Amino acid sequence: MIIWIAFLFLICIFLAIDLGVFNKNPHEITTKEATKWTILWASVGISFAGVIYWLYLNGYILSPNGDTPWQAATEYLTGYIIELSLSVDNIFVIATIFRTYGIPKLYQHRVLFWGILGALIARGFMIFFGVVIINQFFWATYVFGAFLMFTALKMAFSGDDEEFDPQNNKVYKSIRKILPVTSTIHGDKFIIKRQGVIMATPLLIVLIIIEITDIIFALDSIPAILGITTDPFIVFTSNIFAILGLRSMYFFIANMLDVFHYLKYSLIVILMYVGVKLILAHHYKLSIGLSLSIIGLSILGGIVASLVMKKINDKKGLAE
């Protein structure tokens, strides 16, 4: 319990430094700044694998699955990479939401910051119940595995022209029934009071929609990492560090989403593999090394294919 409290306290310090020191005044996040933050969060997230190894080696945390310290560290790293890779799809949707509501880059960081706080709480509950379900009901692995494979197939056969339209979804319409919404942005405020009436600004609408969207994406990512390990500490910490890096990663690649078009197929491979791994969990255990290799090669393949096809298309464009 002490380790859990210490970890949560550490995350609170990270968030306080992020918003209260480095981003005290709202400003547009430049690509250079986003790159630095992305490298920083990625370094912290990857380095935490060493902390996992040390904690399990010294018995500060006991693995419920009897894993060695090396296995625990590898499982954490695999889970972290899965969460980051699945976050790419989330970034596509977040970019669409910001674009649809015309949220200036000046205030996007603030929305994403508060969105992360909600995501930490929501995912904590989802991880807890997910672990309990898998440990209590052996058939849950089949359900989760089938769900991931279904998601992968749906992603594979969905058209590239299908766009998320926030203004036509049920969440947006429900919010407007509860609170009146202003048509313009009022600085970095989520709520304003006009003539004695409390009104939501577009920033609050976007924040709520992003929170709901994260929960929907977590329905894929949580079962995916539970296919790697059911150790709650590893599942939670890998999720949290991936979420912390999501904000800076958004600003880093938001303007390059079209370049990495083929990453979609990397996600399909990852979801299909983890789905199969979950279904086989009670019959055959696939090694964590194999999992890490397949996930790493899938992401690398998607990046290389995207860059190669972009180069080919650019040449075609010049030729025409």
C-alpha atoms as a PDB file:
ATOM      1  CA  MET A   1       0.000   0.000   0.000  1.00  0.00           C
ATOM      2  CA  ILE A   2       2.875   2.377   0.793  1.00  0.00           C
ATOM      3  CA  ILE A   3       4.306   1.857  -2.699  1.00  0.00           C
ATOM      4  CA  TRP A   4       0.918   2.647  -4.270  1.00  0.00           C
ATOM      5  CA  ILE A   5       0.593   5.852  -2.234  1.00  0.00           C
ATOM      6  CA  ALA A   6       4.166   6.858  -3.071  1.00  0.00           C
ATOM      7  CA  PHE A   7       3.521   6.302  -6.786  1.00  0.00           C
ATOM      8  CA  LEU A   8       0.322   8.383  -6.749  1.00  0.00           C
ATOM      9  CA  PHE A   9       2.138  11.119  -4.825  1.00  0.00           C
ATOM     10  CA  LEU A  10       4.891  11.085  -7.469  1.00  0.00           C
ATOM     11  CA  ILE A  11       2.315  11.463 -10.248  1.00  0.00           C
ATOM     12  CA  CYS A  12       0.719  14.402  -8.416  1.00  0.00           C
ATOM     13  CA  ILE A  13       4.129  16.076  -8.220  1.00  0.00           C
ATOM     14  CA  PHE A  14       4.679  15.542 -11.958  1.00  0.00           C
ATOM     15  CA  LEU A  15       1.299  17.078 -12.782  1.00  0.00           C
ATOM     16  CA  ALA A  16       1.795  20.001 -10.391  1.00  0.00           C
ATOM     17  CA  ILE A  17       5.182  20.803 -11.930  1.00  0.00           C
ATOM     18  CA  ASP A  18       3.767  20.463 -15.430  1.00  0.00           C
ATOM     19  CA  LEU A  19       0.798  22.813 -14.995  1.00  0.00           C
ATOM     20  CA  GLY A  20       2.001  24.991 -12.124  1.00  0.00           C
ATOM     21  CA  VAL A  21       5.564  25.647 -13.272  1.00  0.00           C
ATOM     22  CA  PHE A  22       6.247  24.903 -16.933  1.00  0.00           C
ATOM     23  CA  ASN A  23       2.764  25.739 -18.189  1.00  0.00           C
ATOM     24  CA  LYS A  24       1.593  28.277 -15.615  1.00  0.00           C
ATOM     25  CA  ASN A  25       0.618  30.751 -18.319  1.00  0.00           C
ATOM     26  CA  PRO A  26      -1.457  29.489 -21.285  1.00  0.00           C
ATOM     27  CA  HIS A  27       0.627  29.413 -24.453  1.00  0.00           C
ATOM     28  CA  GLU A  28       0.750  27.641 -27.762  1.00  0.00           C
ATOM     29  CA  ILE A  29       2.827  24.469 -27.522  1.00  0.00           C
ATOM     30  CA  THR A  30       5.451  24.551 -30.270  1.00  0.00           C
ATOM     31  CA  THR A  31       6.739  21.429 -32.015  1.00  0.00           C
ATOM     32  CA  LYS A  32      10.132  21.975 -30.377  1.00  0.00           C
ATOM     33  CA  GLU A  33       8.619  22.166 -26.899  1.00  0.00           C
ATOM     34  CA  ALA A  34       6.362  19.167 -27.565  1.00  0.00           C
ATOM     35  CA  THR A  35       9.379  17.169 -28.760  1.00  0.00           C
ATOM     36  CA  LYS A  36      11.280  17.902 -25.549  1.00  0.00           C
ATOM     37  CA  TRP A  37       8.304  16.921 -23.374  1.00  0.00           C
ATOM     38  CA  THR A  38       7.663  13.776 -25.413  1.00  0.00           C
ATOM     39  CA  ILE A  39      11.283  12.673 -25.008  1.00  0.00           C
ATOM     40  CA  LEU A  40      11.140  13.509 -21.288  1.00  0.00           C
ATOM     41  CA  TRP A  41       7.933  11.541 -20.598  1.00  0.00           C
ATOM     42  CA  ALA A  42       9.072   8.636 -22.768  1.00  0.00           C
ATOM     43  CA  SER A  43      12.391   8.532 -20.899  1.00  0.00           C
ATOM     44  CA  VAL A  44      10.608   8.566 -17.533  1.00  0.00           C
ATOM     45  CA  GLY A  45       8.122   5.914 -18.673  1.00  0.00           C
ATOM     46  CA  ILE A  46      10.782   3.572 -20.040  1.00  0.00           C
ATOM     47  CA  SER A  47      13.134   4.154 -17.091  1.00  0.00           C
ATOM     48  CA  PHE A  48      10.373   3.150 -14.682  1.00  0.00           C
ATOM     49  CA  ALA A  49      10.923  -0.419 -15.889  1.00  0.00           C
ATOM     50  CA  GLY A  50      14.136  -0.265 -13.856  1.00  0.00           C
ATOM     51  CA  VAL A  51      12.149   0.852 -10.805  1.00  0.00           C
ATOM     52  CA  ILE A  52       9.758  -2.068 -11.336  1.00  0.00           C
ATOM     53  CA  TYR A  53      12.724  -4.462 -11.427  1.00  0.00           C
ATOM     54  CA  TRP A  54      14.148  -2.982  -8.202  1.00  0.00           C
ATOM     55  CA  LEU A  55      10.814  -3.047  -6.358  1.00  0.00           C
ATOM     56  CA  TYR A  56      10.141  -6.694  -7.210  1.00  0.00           C
ATOM     57  CA  LEU A  57      13.759  -7.722  -6.628  1.00  0.00           C
ATOM     58  CA  ASN A  58      13.735  -6.351  -3.082  1.00  0.00           C
ATOM     59  CA  GLY A  59      10.275  -7.674  -2.259  1.00  0.00           C
ATOM     60  CA  TYR A  60       8.591  -4.278  -1.878  1.00  0.00           C
ATOM     61  CA  ILE A  61       5.909  -5.642  -4.226  1.00  0.00           C
ATOM     62  CA  LEU A  62       5.076  -9.321  -4.577  1.00  0.00           C
ATOM     63  CA  SER A  63       3.938 -10.517  -7.973  1.00  0.00           C
ATOM     64  CA  PRO A  64       0.523 -12.243  -7.770  1.00  0.00           C
ATOM     65  CA  ASN A  65       1.607 -14.391 -10.717  1.00  0.00           C
ATOM     66  CA  GLY A  66       4.963 -15.410  -9.257  1.00  0.00           C
ATOM     67  CA  ASP A  67       6.882 -13.469 -11.924  1.00  0.00           C
ATOM     68  CA  THR A  68      10.589 -12.796 -11.532  1.00  0.00           C
ATOM     69  CA  PRO A  69      11.791  -9.179 -11.322  1.00  0.00           C
ATOM     70  CA  TRP A  70      12.983  -9.423 -14.925  1.00  0.00           C
ATOM     71  CA  GLN A  71       9.608 -10.723 -16.099  1.00  0.00           C
ATOM     72  CA  ALA A  72       7.806  -7.960 -14.187  1.00  0.00           C
ATOM     73  CA  ALA A  73       9.991  -5.264 -15.779  1.00  0.00           C
ATOM     74  CA  THR A  74       9.491  -6.749 -19.261  1.00  0.00           C
ATOM     75  CA  GLU A  75       5.728  -6.972 -18.741  1.00  0.00           C
ATOM     76  CA  TYR A  76       5.659  -3.328 -17.663  1.00  0.00           C
ATOM     77  CA  LEU A  77       7.643  -2.260 -20.731  1.00  0.00           C
ATOM     78  CA  THR A  78       5.402  -4.303 -23.050  1.00  0.00           C
ATOM     79  CA  GLY A  79       2.263  -2.855 -21.466  1.00  0.00           C
ATOM     80  CA  TYR A  80       3.661   0.667 -21.708  1.00  0.00           C
ATOM     81  CA  ILE A  81       4.393   0.263 -25.420  1.00  0.00           C
ATOM     82  CA  ILE A  82       0.915  -1.194 -26.040  1.00  0.00           C
ATOM     83  CA  GLU A  83      -0.745   1.733 -24.298  1.00  0.00           C
ATOM     84  CA  LEU A  84       1.336   4.281 -26.215  1.00  0.00           C
ATOM     85  CA  SER A  85       0.643   2.618 -29.568  1.00  0.00           C
ATOM     86  CA  LEU A  86      -3.100   2.390 -28.912  1.00  0.00           C
ATOM     87  CA  SER A  87      -3.041   6.071 -27.926  1.00  0.00           C
ATOM     88  CA  VAL A  88      -2.301   6.997 -31.541  1.00  0.00           C
ATOM     89  CA  ASP A  89      -5.936   6.343 -32.483  1.00  0.00           C
ATOM     90  CA  ASN A  90      -6.987   8.479 -29.508  1.00  0.00           C
ATOM     91  CA  ILE A  91      -4.844  11.327 -30.817  1.00  0.00           C
ATOM     92  CA  PHE A  92      -6.657  11.211 -34.166  1.00  0.00           C
ATOM     93  CA  VAL A  93      -9.989  11.686 -32.395  1.00  0.00           C
ATOM     94  CA  ILE A  94      -8.713  14.414 -30.049  1.00  0.00           C
ATOM     95  CA  ALA A  95      -7.355  16.355 -33.029  1.00  0.00           C
ATOM     96  CA  THR A  96     -10.745  16.074 -34.749  1.00  0.00           C
ATOM     97  CA  ILE A  97     -12.572  17.281 -31.629  1.00  0.00           C
ATOM     98  CA  PHE A  98     -10.321  20.314 -31.226  1.00  0.00           C
ATOM     99  CA  ARG A  99     -10.636  21.124 -34.919  1.00  0.00           C
ATOM    100  CA  THR A 100     -14.438  20.763 -34.931  1.00  0.00           C
ATOM    101  CA  TYR A 101     -14.941  23.113 -31.986  1.00  0.00           C
ATOM    102  CA  GLY A 102     -12.237  25.520 -33.086  1.00  0.00           C
ATOM    103  CA  ILE A 103     -10.264  25.293 -29.835  1.00  0.00           C
ATOM    104  CA  PRO A 104      -7.113  27.448 -30.199  1.00  0.00           C
ATOM    105  CA  LYS A 105      -3.789  25.722 -29.559  1.00  0.00           C
ATOM    106  CA  LEU A 106      -3.342  28.278 -26.777  1.00  0.00           C
ATOM    107  CA  TYR A 107      -5.893  26.438 -24.607  1.00  0.00           C
ATOM    108  CA  GLN A 108      -5.538  22.839 -25.813  1.00  0.00           C
ATOM    109  CA  HIS A 109      -2.894  22.007 -23.211  1.00  0.00           C
ATOM    110  CA  ARG A 110      -5.209  23.063 -20.366  1.00  0.00           C
ATOM    111  CA  VAL A 111      -8.052  20.889 -21.674  1.00  0.00           C
ATOM    112  CA  LEU A 112      -5.765  17.875 -22.061  1.00  0.00           C
ATOM    113  CA  PHE A 113      -4.287  18.400 -18.583  1.00  0.00           C
ATOM    114  CA  TRP A 114      -7.654  18.228 -16.834  1.00  0.00           C
ATOM    115  CA  GLY A 115      -8.646  15.428 -19.151  1.00  0.00           C
ATOM    116  CA  ILE A 116      -5.729  13.416 -17.844  1.00  0.00           C
ATOM    117  CA  LEU A 117      -6.859  13.792 -14.229  1.00  0.00           C
ATOM    118  CA  GLY A 118     -10.229  12.314 -15.135  1.00  0.00           C
ATOM    119  CA  ALA A 119      -8.552   9.548 -17.134  1.00  0.00           C
ATOM    120  CA  LEU A 120      -6.379   8.566 -14.145  1.00  0.00           C
ATOM    121  CA  ILE A 121      -9.436   8.037 -11.954  1.00  0.00           C
ATOM    122  CA  ALA A 122     -11.524   6.295 -14.614  1.00  0.00           C
ATOM    123  CA  ARG A 123      -8.759   3.906 -15.639  1.00  0.00           C
ATOM    124  CA  GLY A 124      -7.949   3.127 -12.024  1.00  0.00           C
ATOM    125  CA  PHE A 125     -11.482   1.797 -11.527  1.00  0.00           C
ATOM    126  CA  MET A 126     -11.474  -0.040 -14.854  1.00  0.00           C
ATOM    127  CA  ILE A 127      -8.151  -1.733 -14.101  1.00  0.00           C
ATOM    128  CA  PHE A 128      -9.328  -2.797 -10.634  1.00  0.00           C
ATOM    129  CA  PHE A 129     -12.540  -4.357 -11.913  1.00  0.00           C
ATOM    130  CA  GLY A 130     -10.785  -5.840 -14.961  1.00  0.00           C
ATOM    131  CA  VAL A 131      -8.231  -7.644 -12.793  1.00  0.00           C
ATOM    132  CA  VAL A 132     -10.946  -8.869 -10.411  1.00  0.00           C
ATOM    133  CA  ILE A 133     -13.056 -10.195 -13.284  1.00  0.00           C
ATOM    134  CA  ILE A 134     -10.167 -12.052 -14.927  1.00  0.00           C
ATOM    135  CA  ASN A 135      -9.034 -13.571 -11.618  1.00  0.00           C
ATOM    136  CA  GLN A 136     -12.550 -14.606 -10.574  1.00  0.00           C
ATOM    137  CA  PHE A 137     -13.987 -15.838 -13.871  1.00  0.00           C
ATOM    138  CA  PHE A 138     -11.804 -17.996 -16.128  1.00  0.00           C
ATOM    139  CA  TRP A 139     -14.094 -17.352 -19.114  1.00  0.00           C
ATOM    140  CA  ALA A 140     -13.382 -13.600 -18.950  1.00  0.00           C
ATOM    141  CA  THR A 141     -10.169 -14.097 -20.952  1.00  0.00           C
ATOM    142  CA  TYR A 142     -12.228 -15.533 -23.823  1.00  0.00           C
ATOM    143  CA  VAL A 143     -14.618 -12.576 -23.713  1.00  0.00           C
ATOM    144  CA  PHE A 144     -11.832  -9.982 -23.587  1.00  0.00           C
ATOM    145  CA  GLY A 145      -9.867 -11.794 -26.291  1.00  0.00           C
ATOM    146  CA  ALA A 146     -12.862 -12.025 -28.616  1.00  0.00           C
ATOM    147  CA  PHE A 147     -13.647  -8.345 -27.992  1.00  0.00           C
ATOM    148  CA  LEU A 148     -10.111  -7.289 -28.974  1.00  0.00           C
ATOM    149  CA  MET A 149     -10.209  -9.425 -32.130  1.00  0.00           C
ATOM    150  CA  PHE A 150     -13.606  -7.968 -33.036  1.00  0.00           C
ATOM    151  CA  THR A 151     -12.220  -4.451 -32.527  1.00  0.00           C
ATOM    152  CA  ALA A 152      -9.232  -5.262 -34.750  1.00  0.00           C
ATOM    153  CA  LEU A 153     -11.454  -6.621 -37.526  1.00  0.00           C
ATOM    154  CA  LYS A 154     -13.771  -3.626 -37.268  1.00  0.00           C
ATOM    155  CA  MET A 155     -10.770  -1.310 -37.546  1.00  0.00           C
ATOM    156  CA  ALA A 156      -9.438  -3.274 -40.535  1.00  0.00           C
ATOM    157  CA  PHE A 157     -12.660  -3.039 -42.538  1.00  0.00           C
ATOM    158  CA  SER A 158     -13.698   0.488 -41.563  1.00  0.00           C
ATOM    159  CA  GLY A 159     -13.244   3.106 -44.259  1.00  0.00           C
ATOM    160  CA  ASP A 160     -10.517   5.703 -43.960  1.00  0.00           C
ATOM    161  CA  ASP A 161     -13.053   8.405 -44.752  1.00  0.00           C
ATOM    162  CA  GLU A 162     -15.112   7.731 -41.644  1.00  0.00           C
ATOM    163  CA  GLU A 163     -14.740  10.763 -39.376  1.00  0.00           C
ATOM    164  CA  PHE A 164     -15.746  11.351 -35.819  1.00  0.00           C
ATOM    165  CA  ASP A 165     -18.352  14.140 -35.712  1.00  0.00           C
ATOM    166  CA  PRO A 166     -18.630  15.461 -32.123  1.00  0.00           C
ATOM    167  CA  GLN A 167     -21.589  17.746 -32.825  1.00  0.00           C
ATOM    168  CA  ASN A 168     -23.756  14.853 -33.967  1.00  0.00           C
ATOM    169  CA  ASN A 169     -23.042  12.471 -31.091  1.00  0.00           C
ATOM    170  CA  LYS A 170     -25.292  11.778 -28.116  1.00  0.00           C
ATOM    171  CA  VAL A 171     -22.804  13.146 -25.551  1.00  0.00           C
ATOM    172  CA  TYR A 172     -22.835  16.629 -27.070  1.00  0.00           C
ATOM    173  CA  LYS A 173     -26.628  16.706 -27.326  1.00  0.00           C
ATOM    174  CA  SER A 174     -27.019  15.470 -23.725  1.00  0.00           C
ATOM    175  CA  ILE A 175     -24.717  18.189 -22.374  1.00  0.00           C
ATOM    176  CA  ARG A 176     -26.717  20.891 -24.154  1.00  0.00           C
ATOM    177  CA  LYS A 177     -29.887  19.622 -22.468  1.00  0.00           C
ATOM    178  CA  ILE A 178     -28.310  20.015 -19.024  1.00  0.00           C
ATOM    179  CA  LEU A 179     -26.330  23.244 -19.447  1.00  0.00           C
ATOM    180  CA  PRO A 180     -26.655  26.165 -21.840  1.00  0.00           C
ATOM    181  CA  VAL A 181     -23.522  26.471 -23.939  1.00  0.00           C
ATOM    182  CA  THR A 182     -21.854  29.677 -25.103  1.00  0.00           C
ATOM    183  CA  SER A 183     -21.044  29.990 -28.777  1.00  0.00           C
ATOM    184  CA  THR A 184     -17.669  31.582 -28.122  1.00  0.00           C
ATOM    185  CA  ILE A 185     -14.599  30.747 -26.069  1.00  0.00           C
ATOM    186  CA  HIS A 186     -14.018  32.824 -22.914  1.00  0.00           C
ATOM    187  CA  GLY A 187     -10.295  32.511 -22.373  1.00  0.00           C
ATOM    188  CA  ASP A 188      -9.321  29.375 -20.498  1.00  0.00           C
ATOM    189  CA  LYS A 189     -12.599  29.197 -18.543  1.00  0.00           C
ATOM    190  CA  PHE A 190     -14.725  26.048 -18.590  1.00  0.00           C
ATOM    191  CA  ILE A 191     -17.785  27.709 -17.001  1.00  0.00           C
ATOM    192  CA  ILE A 192     -18.967  31.322 -16.942  1.00  0.00           C
ATOM    193  CA  LYS A 193     -21.869  33.132 -15.301  1.00  0.00           C
ATOM    194  CA  ARG A 194     -23.931  35.383 -17.548  1.00  0.00           C
ATOM    195  CA  GLN A 195     -26.925  37.311 -16.139  1.00  0.00           C
ATOM    196  CA  GLY A 196     -27.073  34.925 -13.202  1.00  0.00           C
ATOM    197  CA  VAL A 197     -27.108  31.840 -15.448  1.00  0.00           C
ATOM    198  CA  ILE A 198     -24.272  29.304 -15.321  1.00  0.00           C
ATOM    199  CA  MET A 199     -23.143  28.440 -18.836  1.00  0.00           C
ATOM    200  CA  ALA A 200     -20.659  25.957 -20.217  1.00  0.00           C
ATOM    201  CA  THR A 201     -18.015  27.159 -22.650  1.00  0.00           C
ATOM    202  CA  PRO A 202     -16.813  25.128 -25.641  1.00  0.00           C
ATOM    203  CA  LEU A 203     -13.772  24.172 -23.537  1.00  0.00           C
ATOM    204  CA  LEU A 204     -15.988  22.285 -21.062  1.00  0.00           C
ATOM    205  CA  ILE A 205     -17.852  20.552 -23.888  1.00  0.00           C
ATOM    206  CA  VAL A 206     -14.561  19.421 -25.412  1.00  0.00           C
ATOM    207  CA  LEU A 207     -13.214  18.305 -22.026  1.00  0.00           C
ATOM    208  CA  ILE A 208     -16.262  16.105 -21.340  1.00  0.00           C
ATOM    209  CA  ILE A 209     -16.215  14.596 -24.824  1.00  0.00           C
ATOM    210  CA  ILE A 210     -12.494  13.834 -24.523  1.00  0.00           C
ATOM    211  CA  GLU A 211     -13.121  12.164 -21.144  1.00  0.00           C
ATOM    212  CA  ILE A 212     -15.873   9.989 -22.632  1.00  0.00           C
ATOM    213  CA  THR A 213     -13.667   9.212 -25.615  1.00  0.00           C
ATOM    214  CA  ASP A 214     -10.818   8.099 -23.341  1.00  0.00           C
ATOM    215  CA  ILE A 215     -13.145   5.721 -21.500  1.00  0.00           C
ATOM    216  CA  ILE A 216     -14.231   4.245 -24.833  1.00  0.00           C
ATOM    217  CA  PHE A 217     -10.621   3.755 -25.908  1.00  0.00           C
ATOM    218  CA  ALA A 218      -9.807   2.272 -22.499  1.00  0.00           C
ATOM    219  CA  LEU A 219     -12.296  -0.508 -23.286  1.00  0.00           C
ATOM    220  CA  ASP A 220      -9.702  -1.649 -25.831  1.00  0.00           C
ATOM    221  CA  SER A 221      -6.471  -0.772 -24.059  1.00  0.00           C
ATOM    222  CA  ILE A 222      -7.275  -2.222 -20.615  1.00  0.00           C
ATOM    223  CA  PRO A 223      -8.140  -5.720 -21.941  1.00  0.00           C
ATOM    224  CA  ALA A 224      -5.065  -5.484 -24.193  1.00  0.00           C
ATOM    225  CA  ILE A 225      -2.660  -5.003 -21.302  1.00  0.00           C
ATOM    226  CA  LEU A 226      -4.520  -7.572 -19.189  1.00  0.00           C
ATOM    227  CA  GLY A 227      -3.553  -9.974 -21.950  1.00  0.00           C
ATOM    228  CA  ILE A 228       0.074  -9.321 -21.003  1.00  0.00           C
ATOM    229  CA  THR A 229      -0.257  -9.406 -17.207  1.00  0.00           C
ATOM    230  CA  THR A 230      -2.897  -9.270 -14.491  1.00  0.00           C
ATOM    231  CA  ASP A 231      -0.518  -7.728 -11.957  1.00  0.00           C
ATOM    232  CA  PRO A 232      -2.507  -4.603 -10.930  1.00  0.00           C
ATOM    233  CA  PHE A 233       0.576  -2.502 -10.143  1.00  0.00           C
ATOM    234  CA  ILE A 234       2.150  -3.153 -13.540  1.00  0.00           C
ATOM    235  CA  VAL A 235      -1.138  -2.597 -15.378  1.00  0.00           C
ATOM    236  CA  PHE A 236      -1.811   0.663 -13.537  1.00  0.00           C
ATOM    237  CA  THR A 237       1.685   2.175 -13.731  1.00  0.00           C
ATOM    238  CA  SER A 238       2.128   1.384 -17.437  1.00  0.00           C
ATOM    239  CA  ASN A 239      -1.274   2.942 -18.152  1.00  0.00           C
ATOM    240  CA  ILE A 240      -0.543   6.070 -16.130  1.00  0.00           C
ATOM    241  CA  PHE A 241       2.844   6.765 -17.706  1.00  0.00           C
ATOM    242  CA  ALA A 242       1.363   6.251 -21.176  1.00  0.00           C
ATOM    243  CA  ILE A 243      -1.433   8.718 -20.356  1.00  0.00           C
ATOM    244  CA  LEU A 244       1.050  11.260 -18.979  1.00  0.00           C
ATOM    245  CA  GLY A 245       2.961  11.096 -22.248  1.00  0.00           C
ATOM    246  CA  LEU A 246      -0.196  11.291 -24.359  1.00  0.00           C
ATOM    247  CA  ARG A 247      -0.576  15.064 -23.967  1.00  0.00           C
ATOM    248  CA  SER A 248       2.894  15.979 -25.191  1.00  0.00           C
ATOM    249  CA  MET A 249       2.738  13.241 -27.835  1.00  0.00           C
ATOM    250  CA  TYR A 250      -0.457  14.824 -29.144  1.00  0.00           C
ATOM    251  CA  PHE A 251       1.265  18.151 -29.780  1.00  0.00           C
ATOM    252  CA  PHE A 252       4.262  16.295 -31.207  1.00  0.00           C
ATOM    253  CA  ILE A 253       2.414  14.304 -33.880  1.00  0.00           C
ATOM    254  CA  ALA A 254      -0.936  16.135 -34.272  1.00  0.00           C
ATOM    255  CA  ASN A 255       0.360  17.872 -37.379  1.00  0.00           C
ATOM    256  CA  MET A 256       1.910  14.669 -38.747  1.00  0.00           C
ATOM    257  CA  LEU A 257      -1.077  12.317 -38.446  1.00  0.00           C
ATOM    258  CA  ASP A 258      -1.423  11.965 -42.216  1.00  0.00           C
ATOM    259  CA  VAL A 259       2.215  10.901 -42.473  1.00  0.00           C
ATOM    260  CA  PHE A 260       1.780   7.875 -40.197  1.00  0.00           C
ATOM    261  CA  HIS A 261      -1.253   6.552 -42.032  1.00  0.00           C
ATOM    262  CA  TYR A 262      -0.128   2.909 -41.878  1.00  0.00           C
ATOM    263  CA  LEU A 263       0.158   2.867 -38.082  1.00  0.00           C
ATOM    264  CA  LYS A 264      -3.507   1.854 -38.182  1.00  0.00           C
ATOM    265  CA  TYR A 265      -2.436  -1.567 -39.422  1.00  0.00           C
ATOM    266  CA  SER A 266       0.135  -1.848 -36.655  1.00  0.00           C
ATOM    267  CA  LEU A 267      -2.669  -1.384 -34.118  1.00  0.00           C
ATOM    268  CA  ILE A 268      -4.734  -4.060 -35.889  1.00  0.00           C
ATOM    269  CA  VAL A 269      -1.874  -6.554 -35.615  1.00  0.00           C
ATOM    270  CA  ILE A 270      -1.323  -5.718 -31.933  1.00  0.00           C
ATOM    271  CA  LEU A 271      -5.012  -6.071 -31.022  1.00  0.00           C
ATOM    272  CA  MET A 272      -5.319  -9.352 -32.957  1.00  0.00           C
ATOM    273  CA  TYR A 273      -2.213 -10.794 -31.297  1.00  0.00           C
ATOM    274  CA  VAL A 274      -3.241  -9.842 -27.766  1.00  0.00           C
ATOM    275  CA  GLY A 275      -6.753 -11.154 -28.469  1.00  0.00           C
ATOM    276  CA  VAL A 276      -5.337 -14.531 -29.497  1.00  0.00           C
ATOM    277  CA  LYS A 277      -3.014 -14.484 -26.463  1.00  0.00           C
ATOM    278  CA  LEU A 278      -5.976 -13.963 -24.118  1.00  0.00           C
ATOM    279  CA  ILE A 279      -8.001 -16.768 -25.708  1.00  0.00           C
ATOM    280  CA  LEU A 280      -5.048 -19.164 -25.397  1.00  0.00           C
ATOM    281  CA  ALA A 281      -4.210 -18.031 -21.843  1.00  0.00           C
ATOM    282  CA  HIS A 282      -5.638 -21.153 -20.154  1.00  0.00           C
ATOM    283  CA  HIS A 283      -4.131 -23.541 -22.690  1.00  0.00           C
ATOM    284  CA  TYR A 284      -0.811 -22.148 -23.862  1.00  0.00           C
ATOM    285  CA  LYS A 285       1.243 -19.261 -22.509  1.00  0.00           C
ATOM    286  CA  LEU A 286       2.979 -17.136 -25.119  1.00  0.00           C
ATOM    287  CA  SER A 287       6.265 -15.720 -23.837  1.00  0.00           C
ATOM    288  CA  ILE A 288       6.546 -12.071 -22.896  1.00  0.00           C
ATOM    289  CA  GLY A 289       9.613 -11.833 -25.154  1.00  0.00           C
ATOM    290  CA  LEU A 290       7.512 -12.902 -28.142  1.00  0.00           C
ATOM    291  CA  SER A 291       4.845 -10.360 -27.206  1.00  0.00           C
ATOM    292  CA  LEU A 292       7.354  -7.512 -26.968  1.00  0.00           C
ATOM    293  CA  SER A 293       8.945  -8.523 -30.288  1.00  0.00           C
ATOM    294  CA  ILE A 294       5.645  -8.692 -32.196  1.00  0.00           C
ATOM    295  CA  ILE A 295       4.441  -5.368 -30.773  1.00  0.00           C
ATOM    296  CA  GLY A 296       7.764  -3.639 -31.476  1.00  0.00           C
ATOM    297  CA  LEU A 297       8.028  -4.991 -35.034  1.00  0.00           C
ATOM    298  CA  SER A 298       4.393  -4.072 -35.753  1.00  0.00           C
ATOM    299  CA  ILE A 299       4.953  -0.448 -34.745  1.00  0.00           C
ATOM    300  CA  LEU A 300       8.261  -0.252 -36.596  1.00  0.00           C
ATOM    301  CA  GLY A 301       6.669  -1.761 -39.697  1.00  0.00           C
ATOM    302  CA  GLY A 302       3.824   0.774 -39.599  1.00  0.00           C
ATOM    303  CA  ILE A 303       6.228   3.708 -39.273  1.00  0.00           C
ATOM    304  CA  VAL A 304       8.526   2.482 -42.067  1.00  0.00           C
ATOM    305  CA  ALA A 305       5.589   1.734 -44.404  1.00  0.00           C
ATOM    306  CA  SER A 306       4.127   5.196 -43.729  1.00  0.00           C
ATOM    307  CA  LEU A 307       7.400   6.983 -44.476  1.00  0.00           C
ATOM    308  CA  VAL A 308       8.088   4.899 -47.609  1.00  0.00           C
ATOM    309  CA  MET A 309       4.598   5.482 -49.027  1.00  0.00           C
ATOM    310  CA  LYS A 310       4.830   9.210 -48.258  1.00  0.00           C
ATOM    311  CA  LYS A 311       8.101   9.374 -50.181  1.00  0.00           C
ATOM    312  CA  ILE A 312       6.558   7.519 -53.124  1.00  0.00           C
ATOM    313  CA  ASN A 313       3.472   9.761 -53.136  1.00  0.00           C
ATOM    314  CA  ASP A 314       5.627  12.884 -52.931  1.00  0.00           C
ATOM    315  CA  LYS A 315       7.588  11.726 -55.983  1.00  0.00           C
ATOM    316  CA  LYS A 316       4.361  11.047 -57.868  1.00  0.00           C
ATOM    317  CA  GLY A 317       3.128  14.503 -56.946  1.00  0.00           C
ATOM    318  CA  LEU A 318       6.310  16.137 -58.278  1.00  0.00           C
ATOM    319  CA  ALA A 319       6.122  14.038 -61.464  1.00  0.00           C
ATOM    320  CA  GLU A 320       2.591  15.219 -62.150  1.00  0.00           C
END
